[in-house]
């Protein structure tokens, strides 16, 4: 698949395997949501591609526990992924990269947390962006836990740290994507 070849160009060895496996789990859950919502085949294809590429930006971050030795902070992997995929000619896939962090980042989040990110809204807008963002919340890139799907309670607990409004977004997605 072209998405795996593109990932392999940016990631090598162990990091490639970790990101690929994580992304496959995210894509699988995203496709389950697509089935539930009866999303058309063309849109499902885009969602699968974008889910497989959503973490390509980790290729430029420093996360030694994942074998990543880039120079940028991990929180930047979304904007770095956007830059990579725009350069590669995939502007819609690129937006998924930028908008998949947590349940999305607002300018207020970036300012309040003093994040090293551009001051712009990075919240998922389109349905594909929301589905991939949702699916990503359930899987870690921790090599020992790649196949472990987090419980809804665990995801909710992780999000509550960032505020009740983040939890409300997730709960809305739970109702829409799984009910």
N, C-alpha and C. Protein backbone atom coordinates (compact mmCIF):
# COMPACT_ATOMS: atom_id res chain seq x y z
N UNK A 1 0.84 -1.18 0.00
CA UNK A 1 0.00 0.00 0.00
C UNK A 1 0.89 1.24 0.00
N UNK A 2 0.50 2.26 -0.77
CA UNK A 2 1.33 3.45 -0.91
C UNK A 2 1.56 4.17 0.41
N UNK A 3 0.61 4.08 1.32
CA UNK A 3 0.76 4.76 2.60
C UNK A 3 1.91 4.16 3.41
N UNK A 4 2.05 2.85 3.38
CA UNK A 4 3.13 2.20 4.11
C UNK A 4 4.48 2.56 3.49
N UNK A 5 4.54 2.65 2.18
CA UNK A 5 5.79 3.04 1.52
C UNK A 5 6.18 4.47 1.90
N UNK A 6 5.18 5.34 1.98
CA UNK A 6 5.45 6.73 2.37
C UNK A 6 5.93 6.78 3.83
N UNK A 7 5.29 6.06 4.72
CA UNK A 7 5.74 6.00 6.11
C UNK A 7 7.18 5.48 6.18
N UNK A 8 7.47 4.45 5.42
CA UNK A 8 8.81 3.85 5.43
C UNK A 8 9.87 4.82 4.95
N UNK A 9 9.52 5.74 4.06
CA UNK A 9 10.49 6.75 3.60
C UNK A 9 10.89 7.69 4.72
N UNK A 10 10.00 7.91 5.68
CA UNK A 10 10.28 8.85 6.76
C UNK A 10 10.71 8.17 8.06
N UNK A 11 10.36 6.91 8.22
CA UNK A 11 10.69 6.17 9.44
C UNK A 11 11.42 4.89 9.07
N UNK A 12 12.41 4.52 9.87
CA UNK A 12 13.16 3.30 9.60
C UNK A 12 13.16 2.40 10.82
N UNK A 13 13.36 1.12 10.60
CA UNK A 13 13.56 0.16 11.68
C UNK A 13 12.41 0.08 12.66
N UNK A 14 12.77 0.06 13.94
CA UNK A 14 11.79 -0.10 15.02
C UNK A 14 10.74 1.01 15.01
N UNK A 15 11.13 2.28 14.87
CA UNK A 15 10.08 3.32 14.86
C UNK A 15 9.04 3.09 13.77
N UNK A 16 9.48 2.65 12.59
CA UNK A 16 8.53 2.37 11.51
C UNK A 16 7.53 1.30 11.94
N UNK A 17 8.03 0.21 12.52
CA UNK A 17 7.15 -0.88 12.93
C UNK A 17 6.16 -0.44 14.00
N UNK A 18 6.61 0.36 14.96
CA UNK A 18 5.74 0.84 16.04
C UNK A 18 4.64 1.73 15.46
N UNK A 19 5.04 2.71 14.66
CA UNK A 19 4.08 3.65 14.10
C UNK A 19 3.12 2.94 13.15
N UNK A 20 3.63 2.03 12.34
CA UNK A 20 2.78 1.29 11.41
C UNK A 20 1.75 0.45 12.16
N UNK A 21 2.20 -0.28 13.17
CA UNK A 21 1.26 -1.13 13.91
C UNK A 21 0.22 -0.28 14.64
N UNK A 22 0.67 0.80 15.30
CA UNK A 22 -0.26 1.71 15.97
C UNK A 22 -1.28 2.24 14.97
N UNK A 23 -0.80 2.68 13.83
CA UNK A 23 -1.67 3.28 12.82
C UNK A 23 -2.65 2.27 12.24
N UNK A 24 -2.24 1.02 12.13
CA UNK A 24 -3.15 -0.03 11.66
C UNK A 24 -4.31 -0.24 12.64
N UNK A 25 -3.99 -0.22 13.94
CA UNK A 25 -5.07 -0.35 14.94
C UNK A 25 -6.02 0.83 14.87
N UNK A 26 -5.46 2.03 14.73
CA UNK A 26 -6.29 3.24 14.61
C UNK A 26 -7.17 3.14 13.36
N UNK A 27 -6.58 2.72 12.25
CA UNK A 27 -7.33 2.59 11.00
C UNK A 27 -8.45 1.56 11.14
N UNK A 28 -8.17 0.46 11.80
CA UNK A 28 -9.17 -0.60 11.97
C UNK A 28 -10.37 -0.07 12.77
N UNK A 29 -10.11 0.64 13.85
CA UNK A 29 -11.21 1.19 14.64
C UNK A 29 -11.95 2.27 13.85
N UNK A 30 -11.21 3.09 13.12
CA UNK A 30 -11.84 4.12 12.29
C UNK A 30 -12.75 3.48 11.24
N UNK A 31 -12.31 2.38 10.65
CA UNK A 31 -13.15 1.69 9.66
C UNK A 31 -14.38 1.06 10.30
N UNK A 32 -14.25 0.61 11.54
CA UNK A 32 -15.42 0.11 12.26
C UNK A 32 -16.46 1.23 12.44
N UNK A 33 -15.98 2.41 12.75
CA UNK A 33 -16.88 3.57 12.88
C UNK A 33 -17.53 3.85 11.54
N UNK A 34 -16.76 3.76 10.46
CA UNK A 34 -17.30 3.99 9.12
C UNK A 34 -18.44 3.02 8.81
N UNK A 35 -18.25 1.77 9.17
CA UNK A 35 -19.32 0.77 8.95
C UNK A 35 -20.56 1.15 9.74
N UNK A 36 -20.35 1.52 11.00
CA UNK A 36 -21.48 1.91 11.86
C UNK A 36 -22.24 3.08 11.27
N UNK A 37 -21.51 4.05 10.70
CA UNK A 37 -22.13 5.25 10.14
C UNK A 37 -22.55 5.06 8.68
N UNK A 38 -22.25 3.89 8.12
CA UNK A 38 -22.55 3.59 6.71
C UNK A 38 -21.93 4.62 5.77
N UNK A 39 -20.66 4.87 5.97
CA UNK A 39 -19.92 5.82 5.14
C UNK A 39 -19.54 5.16 3.81
N UNK A 40 -19.64 5.92 2.74
CA UNK A 40 -19.37 5.42 1.39
C UNK A 40 -17.93 4.91 1.25
N UNK A 41 -17.75 3.96 0.33
CA UNK A 41 -16.46 3.31 0.11
C UNK A 41 -15.34 4.32 -0.18
N UNK A 42 -15.61 5.33 -1.01
CA UNK A 42 -14.58 6.32 -1.35
C UNK A 42 -14.10 7.04 -0.09
N UNK A 43 -15.03 7.41 0.76
CA UNK A 43 -14.67 8.12 1.99
C UNK A 43 -13.95 7.18 2.97
N UNK A 44 -14.36 5.91 2.98
CA UNK A 44 -13.67 4.93 3.83
C UNK A 44 -12.22 4.77 3.41
N UNK A 45 -11.97 4.81 2.11
CA UNK A 45 -10.59 4.68 1.61
C UNK A 45 -9.75 5.85 2.11
N UNK A 46 -10.28 7.07 2.00
CA UNK A 46 -9.54 8.23 2.51
C UNK A 46 -9.28 8.09 4.01
N UNK A 47 -10.27 7.67 4.77
CA UNK A 47 -10.12 7.54 6.22
C UNK A 47 -9.05 6.52 6.55
N UNK A 48 -9.04 5.40 5.84
CA UNK A 48 -7.99 4.40 6.08
C UNK A 48 -6.61 4.97 5.77
N UNK A 49 -6.47 5.64 4.63
CA UNK A 49 -5.17 6.23 4.26
C UNK A 49 -4.71 7.24 5.30
N UNK A 50 -5.61 8.15 5.66
CA UNK A 50 -5.25 9.21 6.61
C UNK A 50 -4.94 8.64 7.99
N UNK A 51 -5.66 7.60 8.39
CA UNK A 51 -5.37 6.97 9.68
C UNK A 51 -3.98 6.34 9.67
N UNK A 52 -3.61 5.73 8.56
CA UNK A 52 -2.29 5.12 8.46
C UNK A 52 -1.17 6.16 8.46
N UNK A 53 -1.47 7.37 8.04
CA UNK A 53 -0.45 8.42 7.95
C UNK A 53 -0.51 9.45 9.07
N UNK A 54 -1.47 9.35 9.97
CA UNK A 54 -1.71 10.43 10.93
C UNK A 54 -0.51 10.75 11.82
N UNK A 55 0.38 9.80 12.05
CA UNK A 55 1.54 10.02 12.92
C UNK A 55 2.87 10.12 12.18
N UNK A 56 2.84 10.37 10.89
CA UNK A 56 4.08 10.45 10.12
C UNK A 56 5.04 11.51 10.67
N UNK A 57 4.49 12.52 11.31
CA UNK A 57 5.31 13.60 11.86
C UNK A 57 6.20 13.17 13.01
N UNK A 58 5.94 12.02 13.62
CA UNK A 58 6.82 11.57 14.71
C UNK A 58 8.23 11.29 14.18
N UNK A 59 8.37 11.20 12.88
CA UNK A 59 9.70 10.96 12.29
C UNK A 59 10.68 12.08 12.62
N UNK A 60 10.19 13.22 13.06
CA UNK A 60 11.06 14.37 13.34
C UNK A 60 11.10 14.76 14.81
N UNK A 61 10.54 13.91 15.69
CA UNK A 61 10.48 14.27 17.11
C UNK A 61 11.46 13.44 17.93
N UNK A 62 11.71 13.92 19.13
CA UNK A 62 12.56 13.21 20.07
C UNK A 62 11.68 12.43 21.04
N UNK A 63 11.72 11.12 20.93
CA UNK A 63 11.00 10.21 21.82
C UNK A 63 11.81 8.92 21.88
N UNK A 64 12.88 8.91 22.69
CA UNK A 64 13.78 7.75 22.70
C UNK A 64 13.10 6.44 23.06
N UNK A 65 12.02 6.49 23.84
CA UNK A 65 11.30 5.25 24.20
C UNK A 65 10.66 4.59 22.98
N UNK A 66 10.52 5.38 21.90
CA UNK A 66 9.99 4.84 20.64
C UNK A 66 11.08 4.69 19.58
N UNK A 67 12.31 4.97 19.97
CA UNK A 67 13.42 4.91 19.02
C UNK A 67 13.48 6.11 18.10
N UNK A 68 12.87 7.22 18.52
CA UNK A 68 12.83 8.43 17.70
C UNK A 68 13.84 9.44 18.22
N UNK A 69 14.72 9.88 17.34
CA UNK A 69 15.82 10.75 17.75
C UNK A 69 15.84 12.08 17.02
N UNK A 70 14.66 12.55 16.64
CA UNK A 70 14.58 13.86 15.99
C UNK A 70 14.85 14.96 16.99
N UNK A 71 14.74 16.18 16.53
CA UNK A 71 15.09 17.33 17.38
C UNK A 71 13.87 18.06 17.93
N UNK A 72 12.70 17.75 17.45
CA UNK A 72 11.51 18.52 17.82
C UNK A 72 10.75 17.85 18.98
N UNK A 73 10.04 18.65 19.78
CA UNK A 73 9.22 18.06 20.85
C UNK A 73 8.07 17.24 20.28
N UNK A 74 7.67 16.21 21.03
CA UNK A 74 6.63 15.28 20.57
C UNK A 74 5.33 16.00 20.23
N UNK A 75 4.95 17.00 20.98
CA UNK A 75 3.68 17.70 20.76
C UNK A 75 3.60 18.30 19.35
N UNK A 76 4.74 18.48 18.71
CA UNK A 76 4.76 19.07 17.37
C UNK A 76 4.51 18.05 16.26
N UNK A 77 4.34 16.77 16.59
CA UNK A 77 4.25 15.77 15.52
C UNK A 77 3.06 16.01 14.59
N UNK A 78 2.01 16.63 15.08
CA UNK A 78 0.87 16.92 14.22
C UNK A 78 1.18 17.96 13.15
N UNK A 79 1.81 19.05 13.56
CA UNK A 79 2.15 20.09 12.57
C UNK A 79 3.28 19.64 11.66
N UNK A 80 4.18 18.83 12.20
CA UNK A 80 5.26 18.29 11.36
C UNK A 80 4.70 17.33 10.32
N UNK A 81 3.74 16.51 10.73
CA UNK A 81 3.08 15.61 9.79
C UNK A 81 2.35 16.38 8.70
N UNK A 82 1.70 17.46 9.11
CA UNK A 82 1.01 18.28 8.11
C UNK A 82 2.00 18.80 7.07
N UNK A 83 3.13 19.30 7.52
CA UNK A 83 4.14 19.82 6.59
C UNK A 83 4.64 18.73 5.64
N UNK A 84 4.90 17.54 6.18
CA UNK A 84 5.37 16.43 5.35
C UNK A 84 4.34 16.09 4.28
N UNK A 85 3.09 15.90 4.70
CA UNK A 85 2.08 15.46 3.73
C UNK A 85 1.69 16.55 2.74
N UNK A 86 1.77 17.80 3.14
CA UNK A 86 1.55 18.88 2.16
C UNK A 86 2.66 18.86 1.12
N UNK A 87 3.90 18.68 1.58
CA UNK A 87 5.05 18.60 0.67
C UNK A 87 4.90 17.42 -0.29
N UNK A 88 4.34 16.32 0.20
CA UNK A 88 4.15 15.11 -0.60
C UNK A 88 2.93 15.20 -1.53
N UNK A 89 2.12 16.26 -1.37
CA UNK A 89 0.97 16.45 -2.24
C UNK A 89 -0.34 15.87 -1.72
N UNK A 90 -0.45 15.73 -0.41
CA UNK A 90 -1.68 15.19 0.20
C UNK A 90 -2.26 16.18 1.21
N UNK A 91 -2.82 17.28 0.74
CA UNK A 91 -3.28 18.34 1.65
C UNK A 91 -4.41 17.93 2.59
N UNK A 92 -5.33 17.07 2.14
CA UNK A 92 -6.42 16.65 3.03
C UNK A 92 -5.91 15.70 4.11
N UNK A 93 -5.02 14.81 3.74
CA UNK A 93 -4.41 13.90 4.71
C UNK A 93 -3.59 14.73 5.72
N UNK A 94 -2.97 15.79 5.23
CA UNK A 94 -2.14 16.65 6.07
C UNK A 94 -2.96 17.29 7.20
N UNK A 95 -4.17 17.69 6.90
CA UNK A 95 -5.01 18.30 7.94
C UNK A 95 -5.35 17.31 9.03
N UNK A 96 -5.51 16.04 8.68
CA UNK A 96 -5.75 15.02 9.70
C UNK A 96 -4.57 14.97 10.67
N UNK A 97 -3.36 15.02 10.13
CA UNK A 97 -2.17 15.00 11.00
C UNK A 97 -2.23 16.13 12.01
N UNK A 98 -2.48 17.33 11.53
CA UNK A 98 -2.45 18.49 12.41
C UNK A 98 -3.58 18.47 13.44
N UNK A 99 -4.70 17.89 13.09
CA UNK A 99 -5.90 18.01 13.92
C UNK A 99 -6.21 16.78 14.77
N UNK A 100 -5.29 15.83 14.89
CA UNK A 100 -5.62 14.59 15.59
C UNK A 100 -5.15 14.53 17.04
N UNK A 101 -4.56 15.57 17.56
CA UNK A 101 -4.01 15.55 18.92
C UNK A 101 -5.14 15.63 19.95
N UNK A 102 -5.23 14.64 20.82
CA UNK A 102 -6.31 14.61 21.82
C UNK A 102 -7.65 14.59 21.10
N UNK A 103 -8.52 15.54 21.47
CA UNK A 103 -9.77 15.74 20.73
C UNK A 103 -9.67 17.02 19.92
N UNK A 104 -8.43 17.49 19.73
CA UNK A 104 -8.16 18.72 19.01
C UNK A 104 -7.62 19.77 19.96
N UNK A 105 -6.86 20.68 19.40
CA UNK A 105 -6.28 21.77 20.17
C UNK A 105 -6.82 23.11 19.68
N UNK A 106 -7.29 23.92 20.60
CA UNK A 106 -7.74 25.27 20.27
C UNK A 106 -6.61 26.25 20.54
N UNK A 107 -6.77 27.47 20.07
CA UNK A 107 -5.79 28.51 20.37
C UNK A 107 -5.70 28.71 21.88
N UNK A 108 -6.84 28.63 22.56
CA UNK A 108 -6.84 28.76 24.03
C UNK A 108 -6.04 27.64 24.68
N UNK A 109 -6.16 26.41 24.18
CA UNK A 109 -5.37 25.29 24.71
C UNK A 109 -3.87 25.56 24.53
N UNK A 110 -3.52 25.99 23.35
CA UNK A 110 -2.11 26.23 23.01
C UNK A 110 -1.54 27.32 23.91
N UNK A 111 -2.31 28.38 24.09
CA UNK A 111 -1.87 29.49 24.93
C UNK A 111 -1.80 29.09 26.40
N UNK A 112 -2.87 28.49 26.91
CA UNK A 112 -2.96 28.11 28.32
C UNK A 112 -1.85 27.14 28.71
N UNK A 113 -1.56 26.18 27.83
CA UNK A 113 -0.55 25.16 28.13
C UNK A 113 0.85 25.57 27.66
N UNK A 114 0.93 26.77 27.06
CA UNK A 114 2.21 27.29 26.56
C UNK A 114 2.90 26.27 25.65
N UNK A 115 2.13 25.75 24.70
CA UNK A 115 2.64 24.74 23.78
C UNK A 115 3.43 25.38 22.65
N UNK A 116 4.49 24.72 22.20
CA UNK A 116 5.31 25.27 21.12
C UNK A 116 4.67 25.00 19.75
N UNK A 117 3.48 25.56 19.57
CA UNK A 117 2.70 25.34 18.36
C UNK A 117 2.22 26.69 17.82
N UNK A 118 1.94 26.75 16.52
CA UNK A 118 1.35 27.97 15.98
C UNK A 118 0.01 28.26 16.67
N UNK A 119 -0.28 29.52 16.84
CA UNK A 119 -1.54 29.90 17.49
C UNK A 119 -2.66 29.91 16.46
N UNK A 120 -3.17 28.71 16.20
CA UNK A 120 -4.31 28.52 15.31
C UNK A 120 -5.11 27.32 15.80
N UNK A 121 -6.36 27.28 15.43
CA UNK A 121 -7.22 26.18 15.85
C UNK A 121 -6.80 24.91 15.13
N UNK A 122 -6.57 23.87 15.89
CA UNK A 122 -6.18 22.57 15.34
C UNK A 122 -7.15 21.50 15.82
N UNK A 123 -8.42 21.82 15.76
CA UNK A 123 -9.47 20.89 16.14
C UNK A 123 -10.00 20.20 14.89
N UNK A 124 -10.36 18.92 15.00
CA UNK A 124 -10.90 18.22 13.83
C UNK A 124 -12.21 18.86 13.39
N UNK A 125 -12.31 19.10 12.09
CA UNK A 125 -13.47 19.78 11.52
C UNK A 125 -14.34 18.78 10.75
N UNK A 126 -13.73 18.09 9.81
CA UNK A 126 -14.49 17.17 8.96
C UNK A 126 -14.80 15.87 9.70
N UNK A 127 -15.75 15.13 9.21
CA UNK A 127 -16.10 13.84 9.80
C UNK A 127 -14.90 12.88 9.77
N UNK A 128 -14.17 12.75 8.67
CA UNK A 128 -12.99 11.88 8.69
C UNK A 128 -11.96 12.29 9.76
N UNK A 129 -11.73 13.58 9.92
CA UNK A 129 -10.80 14.06 10.94
C UNK A 129 -11.29 13.65 12.33
N UNK A 130 -12.58 13.80 12.58
CA UNK A 130 -13.14 13.46 13.88
C UNK A 130 -13.04 11.96 14.14
N UNK A 131 -13.33 11.16 13.14
CA UNK A 131 -13.28 9.70 13.31
C UNK A 131 -11.86 9.24 13.63
N UNK A 132 -10.88 9.76 12.93
CA UNK A 132 -9.49 9.35 13.16
C UNK A 132 -9.01 9.85 14.52
N UNK A 133 -9.36 11.05 14.86
CA UNK A 133 -9.02 11.59 16.17
C UNK A 133 -9.60 10.70 17.27
N UNK A 134 -10.86 10.34 17.12
CA UNK A 134 -11.55 9.46 18.06
C UNK A 134 -10.82 8.12 18.17
N UNK A 135 -10.56 7.49 17.05
CA UNK A 135 -9.93 6.16 17.05
C UNK A 135 -8.54 6.20 17.67
N UNK A 136 -7.80 7.26 17.44
CA UNK A 136 -6.44 7.39 17.96
C UNK A 136 -6.42 7.43 19.49
N UNK A 137 -7.48 7.92 20.09
CA UNK A 137 -7.53 8.02 21.55
C UNK A 137 -7.46 6.66 22.23
N UNK A 138 -7.82 5.61 21.53
CA UNK A 138 -7.89 4.28 22.12
C UNK A 138 -6.59 3.48 22.05
N UNK A 139 -5.59 3.97 21.30
CA UNK A 139 -4.37 3.20 21.12
C UNK A 139 -3.13 4.04 21.41
N UNK A 140 -2.18 3.40 22.06
CA UNK A 140 -0.92 4.00 22.43
C UNK A 140 0.17 3.57 21.45
N UNK A 141 1.24 4.33 21.41
CA UNK A 141 2.42 3.91 20.65
C UNK A 141 3.46 3.25 21.57
N UNK A 142 3.07 3.01 22.82
CA UNK A 142 3.94 2.29 23.73
C UNK A 142 4.15 0.89 23.16
N UNK A 143 5.39 0.50 22.86
CA UNK A 143 5.63 -0.80 22.22
C UNK A 143 5.03 -1.98 22.98
N UNK A 144 4.92 -1.89 24.29
CA UNK A 144 4.38 -2.99 25.08
C UNK A 144 2.85 -3.02 25.07
N UNK A 145 2.22 -1.97 24.55
CA UNK A 145 0.76 -1.87 24.62
C UNK A 145 0.12 -1.57 23.26
N UNK A 146 0.81 -1.81 22.18
CA UNK A 146 0.30 -1.45 20.86
C UNK A 146 -1.07 -2.07 20.57
N UNK A 147 -1.23 -3.33 20.92
CA UNK A 147 -2.47 -4.03 20.59
C UNK A 147 -3.55 -3.86 21.67
N UNK A 148 -3.21 -3.19 22.74
CA UNK A 148 -4.16 -3.02 23.84
C UNK A 148 -5.07 -1.82 23.57
N UNK A 149 -6.36 -2.09 23.41
CA UNK A 149 -7.33 -1.02 23.24
C UNK A 149 -7.74 -0.50 24.62
N UNK A 150 -7.57 0.80 24.81
CA UNK A 150 -7.95 1.41 26.09
C UNK A 150 -9.46 1.33 26.27
N UNK A 151 -9.88 1.23 27.50
CA UNK A 151 -11.31 1.26 27.80
C UNK A 151 -11.84 2.68 27.65
N UNK A 152 -13.13 2.80 27.48
CA UNK A 152 -13.76 4.12 27.40
C UNK A 152 -13.47 4.89 28.68
N UNK A 153 -13.53 4.22 29.83
CA UNK A 153 -13.24 4.90 31.10
C UNK A 153 -11.82 5.44 31.14
N UNK A 154 -10.86 4.67 30.61
CA UNK A 154 -9.46 5.12 30.59
C UNK A 154 -9.32 6.34 29.68
N UNK A 155 -9.92 6.32 28.52
CA UNK A 155 -9.86 7.46 27.60
C UNK A 155 -10.48 8.69 28.27
N UNK A 156 -11.63 8.51 28.89
CA UNK A 156 -12.30 9.62 29.56
C UNK A 156 -11.41 10.20 30.67
N UNK A 157 -10.78 9.33 31.45
CA UNK A 157 -9.91 9.78 32.54
C UNK A 157 -8.72 10.56 31.97
N UNK A 158 -8.14 10.07 30.89
CA UNK A 158 -7.01 10.76 30.26
C UNK A 158 -7.41 12.15 29.76
N UNK A 159 -8.61 12.26 29.21
CA UNK A 159 -9.06 13.53 28.67
C UNK A 159 -9.49 14.53 29.74
N UNK A 160 -10.02 14.03 30.84
CA UNK A 160 -10.51 14.91 31.90
C UNK A 160 -9.43 15.82 32.44
N UNK A 161 -8.18 15.37 32.38
CA UNK A 161 -7.05 16.19 32.81
C UNK A 161 -7.02 17.52 32.04
N UNK A 162 -7.50 17.50 30.81
CA UNK A 162 -7.46 18.69 29.95
C UNK A 162 -8.75 19.51 30.00
N UNK A 163 -9.69 19.08 30.83
CA UNK A 163 -10.89 19.88 31.03
C UNK A 163 -12.16 19.16 30.63
N UNK A 164 -13.22 19.58 31.27
CA UNK A 164 -14.55 19.00 31.05
C UNK A 164 -14.98 19.14 29.58
N UNK A 165 -14.60 20.25 28.93
CA UNK A 165 -15.02 20.45 27.54
C UNK A 165 -14.43 19.40 26.61
N UNK A 166 -13.22 18.92 26.91
CA UNK A 166 -12.61 17.85 26.10
C UNK A 166 -13.39 16.55 26.28
N UNK A 167 -13.79 16.31 27.50
CA UNK A 167 -14.58 15.12 27.80
C UNK A 167 -15.93 15.17 27.09
N UNK A 168 -16.53 16.33 27.02
CA UNK A 168 -17.82 16.48 26.34
C UNK A 168 -17.70 16.18 24.85
N UNK A 169 -16.60 16.62 24.25
CA UNK A 169 -16.37 16.32 22.83
C UNK A 169 -16.29 14.81 22.64
N UNK A 170 -15.48 14.14 23.47
CA UNK A 170 -15.33 12.69 23.37
C UNK A 170 -16.67 11.99 23.59
N UNK A 171 -17.40 12.40 24.62
CA UNK A 171 -18.69 11.77 24.89
C UNK A 171 -19.66 11.93 23.72
N UNK A 172 -19.62 13.09 23.07
CA UNK A 172 -20.44 13.29 21.88
C UNK A 172 -20.04 12.34 20.76
N UNK A 173 -18.74 12.15 20.59
CA UNK A 173 -18.26 11.20 19.59
C UNK A 173 -18.67 9.78 19.95
N UNK A 174 -18.57 9.42 21.22
CA UNK A 174 -18.98 8.08 21.64
C UNK A 174 -20.44 7.82 21.26
N UNK A 175 -21.28 8.80 21.53
CA UNK A 175 -22.71 8.64 21.22
C UNK A 175 -22.92 8.53 19.71
N UNK A 176 -22.22 9.36 18.97
CA UNK A 176 -22.40 9.40 17.51
C UNK A 176 -21.77 8.20 16.80
N UNK A 177 -20.58 7.80 17.26
CA UNK A 177 -19.79 6.81 16.53
C UNK A 177 -20.01 5.37 16.98
N UNK A 178 -20.66 5.18 18.13
CA UNK A 178 -20.80 3.80 18.62
C UNK A 178 -22.22 3.42 19.01
N UNK A 179 -23.08 4.39 19.22
CA UNK A 179 -24.45 4.08 19.70
C UNK A 179 -25.32 3.50 18.60
